[in-house]
Amino acid sequence: MKSNDVLSMYENLAGLSGQMKNAAQAGEWNAFDKLNVQASVAAGAAICGVPALDGAKRQRKIDLLKQLMANDRAIRDVTEPWMGQLDRAMCAH
């Protein structure tokens, strides 16, 4: 994987995670699931590691990772309360 491929992968993942965030916030779980599969496939490209980046490319990767983390937090803000409700409902029976 070349440095441009690394950035393309992170750009794609950031876009997918943004779409996943929007789907979660809208309660569109079928769309969320499909996007999650796409993101898993895209992230699989890094399974053997990625080359180190320098300068502007490194900063862009950091910015994309921050976007991914913010989207992940927003998704968890939607799903964690729901998972807690589900857990309480299952324990009640």
N, C-alpha and C. Protein backbone atom coordinates (compact mmCIF):
# COMPACT_ATOMS: atom_id res chain seq x y z
N MET A 1 0.85 -1.17 0.00
CA MET A 1 0.00 0.00 0.00
C MET A 1 0.91 1.24 0.00
N LYS A 2 0.60 2.17 -0.90
CA LYS A 2 1.38 3.41 -1.01
C LYS A 2 0.71 4.51 -0.19
N SER A 3 1.44 5.59 0.04
CA SER A 3 0.92 6.66 0.90
C SER A 3 -0.39 7.24 0.37
N ASN A 4 -0.52 7.39 -0.94
CA ASN A 4 -1.78 7.90 -1.49
C ASN A 4 -2.91 6.91 -1.25
N ASP A 5 -2.60 5.61 -1.29
CA ASP A 5 -3.61 4.58 -1.01
C ASP A 5 -4.07 4.67 0.44
N VAL A 6 -3.13 4.95 1.33
CA VAL A 6 -3.46 5.07 2.75
C VAL A 6 -4.45 6.21 2.95
N LEU A 7 -4.15 7.36 2.37
CA LEU A 7 -5.04 8.50 2.52
C LEU A 7 -6.39 8.24 1.88
N SER A 8 -6.40 7.58 0.73
CA SER A 8 -7.68 7.25 0.08
C SER A 8 -8.51 6.34 0.97
N MET A 9 -7.86 5.37 1.60
CA MET A 9 -8.57 4.46 2.49
C MET A 9 -9.19 5.23 3.66
N TYR A 10 -8.40 6.11 4.29
CA TYR A 10 -8.92 6.88 5.42
C TYR A 10 -10.00 7.87 4.99
N GLU A 11 -9.86 8.46 3.80
CA GLU A 11 -10.91 9.34 3.27
C GLU A 11 -12.21 8.56 3.12
N ASN A 12 -12.11 7.37 2.54
CA ASN A 12 -13.28 6.51 2.34
C ASN A 12 -13.90 6.14 3.68
N LEU A 13 -13.08 5.73 4.64
CA LEU A 13 -13.58 5.35 5.96
C LEU A 13 -14.24 6.52 6.67
N ALA A 14 -13.66 7.71 6.55
CA ALA A 14 -14.26 8.88 7.19
C ALA A 14 -15.62 9.18 6.57
N GLY A 15 -15.71 9.07 5.25
CA GLY A 15 -17.00 9.28 4.59
C GLY A 15 -18.03 8.26 5.00
N LEU A 16 -17.62 6.99 5.03
CA LEU A 16 -18.55 5.93 5.45
C LEU A 16 -18.99 6.11 6.89
N SER A 17 -18.05 6.49 7.77
CA SER A 17 -18.43 6.65 9.17
C SER A 17 -19.38 7.84 9.34
N GLY A 18 -19.22 8.87 8.53
CA GLY A 18 -20.16 9.99 8.56
C GLY A 18 -21.55 9.56 8.13
N GLN A 19 -21.61 8.73 7.10
CA GLN A 19 -22.90 8.20 6.66
C GLN A 19 -23.50 7.28 7.73
N MET A 20 -22.65 6.50 8.39
CA MET A 20 -23.12 5.63 9.46
C MET A 20 -23.70 6.45 10.61
N LYS A 21 -23.02 7.54 10.95
CA LYS A 21 -23.51 8.43 12.01
C LYS A 21 -24.89 8.96 11.65
N ASN A 22 -25.04 9.43 10.41
CA ASN A 22 -26.33 9.97 9.98
C ASN A 22 -27.41 8.89 10.00
N ALA A 23 -27.08 7.69 9.57
CA ALA A 23 -28.05 6.59 9.57
C ALA A 23 -28.45 6.24 11.00
N ALA A 24 -27.49 6.19 11.91
CA ALA A 24 -27.80 5.87 13.31
C ALA A 24 -28.69 6.94 13.91
N GLN A 25 -28.37 8.19 13.66
CA GLN A 25 -29.17 9.28 14.22
C GLN A 25 -30.59 9.29 13.65
N ALA A 26 -30.75 8.80 12.42
CA ALA A 26 -32.07 8.73 11.80
C ALA A 26 -32.79 7.42 12.11
N GLY A 27 -32.11 6.51 12.80
CA GLY A 27 -32.70 5.21 13.11
C GLY A 27 -32.84 4.31 11.89
N GLU A 28 -32.02 4.54 10.89
CA GLU A 28 -32.04 3.74 9.66
C GLU A 28 -31.03 2.60 9.81
N TRP A 29 -31.45 1.55 10.51
CA TRP A 29 -30.52 0.50 10.89
C TRP A 29 -30.13 -0.41 9.75
N ASN A 30 -31.00 -0.60 8.76
CA ASN A 30 -30.61 -1.40 7.59
C ASN A 30 -29.49 -0.69 6.82
N ALA A 31 -29.65 0.62 6.63
CA ALA A 31 -28.60 1.40 5.96
C ALA A 31 -27.32 1.38 6.79
N PHE A 32 -27.46 1.53 8.11
CA PHE A 32 -26.31 1.51 9.00
C PHE A 32 -25.55 0.20 8.85
N ASP A 33 -26.28 -0.92 8.84
CA ASP A 33 -25.65 -2.23 8.74
C ASP A 33 -24.89 -2.38 7.42
N LYS A 34 -25.48 -1.94 6.33
CA LYS A 34 -24.81 -2.03 5.03
C LYS A 34 -23.55 -1.17 5.01
N LEU A 35 -23.63 0.01 5.56
CA LEU A 35 -22.45 0.88 5.63
C LEU A 35 -21.37 0.29 6.52
N ASN A 36 -21.77 -0.36 7.60
CA ASN A 36 -20.82 -1.00 8.50
C ASN A 36 -20.05 -2.10 7.77
N VAL A 37 -20.74 -2.88 6.94
CA VAL A 37 -20.08 -3.92 6.16
C VAL A 37 -19.08 -3.28 5.20
N GLN A 38 -19.50 -2.21 4.52
CA GLN A 38 -18.60 -1.52 3.59
C GLN A 38 -17.36 -0.99 4.32
N ALA A 39 -17.56 -0.44 5.50
CA ALA A 39 -16.43 0.09 6.28
C ALA A 39 -15.49 -1.03 6.70
N SER A 40 -16.04 -2.16 7.08
CA SER A 40 -15.20 -3.30 7.48
C SER A 40 -14.34 -3.78 6.32
N VAL A 41 -14.94 -3.84 5.15
CA VAL A 41 -14.19 -4.25 3.95
C VAL A 41 -13.09 -3.23 3.65
N ALA A 42 -13.44 -1.95 3.70
CA ALA A 42 -12.46 -0.90 3.41
C ALA A 42 -11.31 -0.93 4.41
N ALA A 43 -11.61 -1.14 5.68
CA ALA A 43 -10.57 -1.17 6.71
C ALA A 43 -9.69 -2.40 6.57
N GLY A 44 -10.21 -3.44 5.96
CA GLY A 44 -9.44 -4.67 5.76
C GLY A 44 -8.17 -4.44 4.95
N ALA A 45 -8.15 -3.37 4.16
CA ALA A 45 -6.96 -3.07 3.37
C ALA A 45 -5.75 -2.79 4.25
N ALA A 46 -5.97 -2.42 5.49
CA ALA A 46 -4.88 -2.07 6.40
C ALA A 46 -4.44 -3.24 7.26
N ILE A 47 -4.99 -4.40 7.02
CA ILE A 47 -4.72 -5.54 7.90
C ILE A 47 -3.23 -5.90 7.95
N CYS A 48 -2.52 -5.67 6.88
CA CYS A 48 -1.09 -5.98 6.85
C CYS A 48 -0.24 -4.77 7.21
N GLY A 49 -0.89 -3.71 7.68
CA GLY A 49 -0.17 -2.50 8.05
C GLY A 49 -0.18 -1.47 6.94
N VAL A 50 0.15 -0.27 7.31
CA VAL A 50 0.21 0.83 6.35
C VAL A 50 1.53 1.55 6.53
N PRO A 51 2.05 2.14 5.46
CA PRO A 51 3.32 2.85 5.58
C PRO A 51 3.17 4.13 6.40
N ALA A 52 4.24 4.51 7.05
CA ALA A 52 4.26 5.77 7.81
C ALA A 52 4.17 6.94 6.84
N LEU A 53 3.51 7.99 7.28
CA LEU A 53 3.36 9.18 6.45
C LEU A 53 4.11 10.33 7.10
N ASP A 54 4.52 11.28 6.29
CA ASP A 54 5.25 12.45 6.77
C ASP A 54 4.53 13.73 6.36
N GLY A 55 4.82 14.79 7.08
CA GLY A 55 4.37 16.12 6.70
C GLY A 55 2.87 16.27 6.57
N ALA A 56 2.45 16.87 5.47
CA ALA A 56 1.04 17.16 5.24
C ALA A 56 0.20 15.89 5.16
N LYS A 57 0.77 14.83 4.60
CA LYS A 57 0.02 13.58 4.50
C LYS A 57 -0.23 13.00 5.90
N ARG A 58 0.75 13.11 6.75
CA ARG A 58 0.59 12.63 8.13
C ARG A 58 -0.49 13.44 8.84
N GLN A 59 -0.46 14.75 8.67
CA GLN A 59 -1.46 15.60 9.31
C GLN A 59 -2.86 15.29 8.78
N ARG A 60 -2.96 15.03 7.48
CA ARG A 60 -4.27 14.69 6.89
C ARG A 60 -4.78 13.39 7.49
N LYS A 61 -3.90 12.41 7.66
CA LYS A 61 -4.30 11.14 8.28
C LYS A 61 -4.79 11.38 9.70
N ILE A 62 -4.10 12.21 10.45
CA ILE A 62 -4.52 12.52 11.82
C ILE A 62 -5.90 13.17 11.81
N ASP A 63 -6.11 14.12 10.90
CA ASP A 63 -7.41 14.79 10.81
C ASP A 63 -8.53 13.79 10.47
N LEU A 64 -8.23 12.86 9.57
CA LEU A 64 -9.23 11.85 9.21
C LEU A 64 -9.52 10.92 10.39
N LEU A 65 -8.49 10.55 11.13
CA LEU A 65 -8.69 9.71 12.31
C LEU A 65 -9.54 10.44 13.36
N LYS A 66 -9.34 11.74 13.50
CA LYS A 66 -10.16 12.52 14.42
C LYS A 66 -11.62 12.52 13.98
N GLN A 67 -11.85 12.62 12.66
CA GLN A 67 -13.22 12.55 12.13
C GLN A 67 -13.84 11.19 12.44
N LEU A 68 -13.06 10.14 12.20
CA LEU A 68 -13.54 8.78 12.49
C LEU A 68 -13.92 8.64 13.96
N MET A 69 -13.07 9.15 14.84
CA MET A 69 -13.34 9.04 16.27
C MET A 69 -14.57 9.85 16.67
N ALA A 70 -14.74 11.03 16.10
CA ALA A 70 -15.92 11.85 16.41
C ALA A 70 -17.19 11.17 15.92
N ASN A 71 -17.12 10.58 14.73
CA ASN A 71 -18.30 9.86 14.22
C ASN A 71 -18.61 8.65 15.07
N ASP A 72 -17.56 7.94 15.50
CA ASP A 72 -17.76 6.79 16.37
C ASP A 72 -18.43 7.20 17.68
N ARG A 73 -17.99 8.30 18.25
CA ARG A 73 -18.59 8.80 19.50
C ARG A 73 -20.06 9.14 19.28
N ALA A 74 -20.38 9.78 18.16
CA ALA A 74 -21.77 10.15 17.87
C ALA A 74 -22.63 8.90 17.68
N ILE A 75 -22.07 7.88 17.06
CA ILE A 75 -22.81 6.62 16.88
C ILE A 75 -23.05 5.97 18.24
N ARG A 76 -22.02 5.94 19.08
CA ARG A 76 -22.18 5.36 20.42
C ARG A 76 -23.16 6.15 21.27
N ASP A 77 -23.23 7.46 21.06
CA ASP A 77 -24.22 8.28 21.78
C ASP A 77 -25.64 7.84 21.45
N VAL A 78 -25.84 7.33 20.24
CA VAL A 78 -27.16 6.84 19.83
C VAL A 78 -27.38 5.42 20.31
N THR A 79 -26.37 4.57 20.15
CA THR A 79 -26.58 3.14 20.40
C THR A 79 -26.46 2.73 21.86
N GLU A 80 -25.60 3.38 22.63
CA GLU A 80 -25.40 2.93 24.01
C GLU A 80 -26.65 3.04 24.88
N PRO A 81 -27.41 4.14 24.82
CA PRO A 81 -28.64 4.18 25.62
C PRO A 81 -29.62 3.08 25.21
N TRP A 82 -29.70 2.83 23.92
CA TRP A 82 -30.60 1.79 23.42
C TRP A 82 -30.16 0.42 23.91
N MET A 83 -28.85 0.17 23.90
CA MET A 83 -28.34 -1.11 24.37
C MET A 83 -28.61 -1.28 25.87
N GLY A 84 -28.53 -0.20 26.63
CA GLY A 84 -28.85 -0.25 28.06
C GLY A 84 -30.31 -0.58 28.29
N GLN A 85 -31.18 0.01 27.49
CA GLN A 85 -32.61 -0.29 27.59
C GLN A 85 -32.88 -1.75 27.26
N LEU A 86 -32.22 -2.24 26.22
CA LEU A 86 -32.39 -3.64 25.83
C LEU A 86 -31.90 -4.56 26.93
N ASP A 87 -30.77 -4.25 27.53
CA ASP A 87 -30.23 -5.06 28.61
C ASP A 87 -31.19 -5.10 29.80
N ARG A 88 -31.73 -3.95 30.18
CA ARG A 88 -32.68 -3.90 31.29
C ARG A 88 -33.94 -4.69 30.97
N ALA A 89 -34.41 -4.59 29.74
CA ALA A 89 -35.62 -5.32 29.35
C ALA A 89 -35.38 -6.83 29.40
N MET A 90 -34.21 -7.26 28.98
CA MET A 90 -33.91 -8.69 28.98
C MET A 90 -33.73 -9.21 30.40
N CYS A 91 -33.16 -8.41 31.27
CA CYS A 91 -32.97 -8.82 32.67
C CYS A 91 -34.29 -8.87 33.42
N ALA A 92 -35.26 -8.11 32.99
CA ALA A 92 -36.56 -8.07 33.66
C ALA A 92 -37.37 -9.34 33.40
N HIS A 93 -37.02 -10.07 32.38
CA HIS A 93 -37.81 -11.27 32.04
C HIS A 93 -37.12 -12.52 32.43
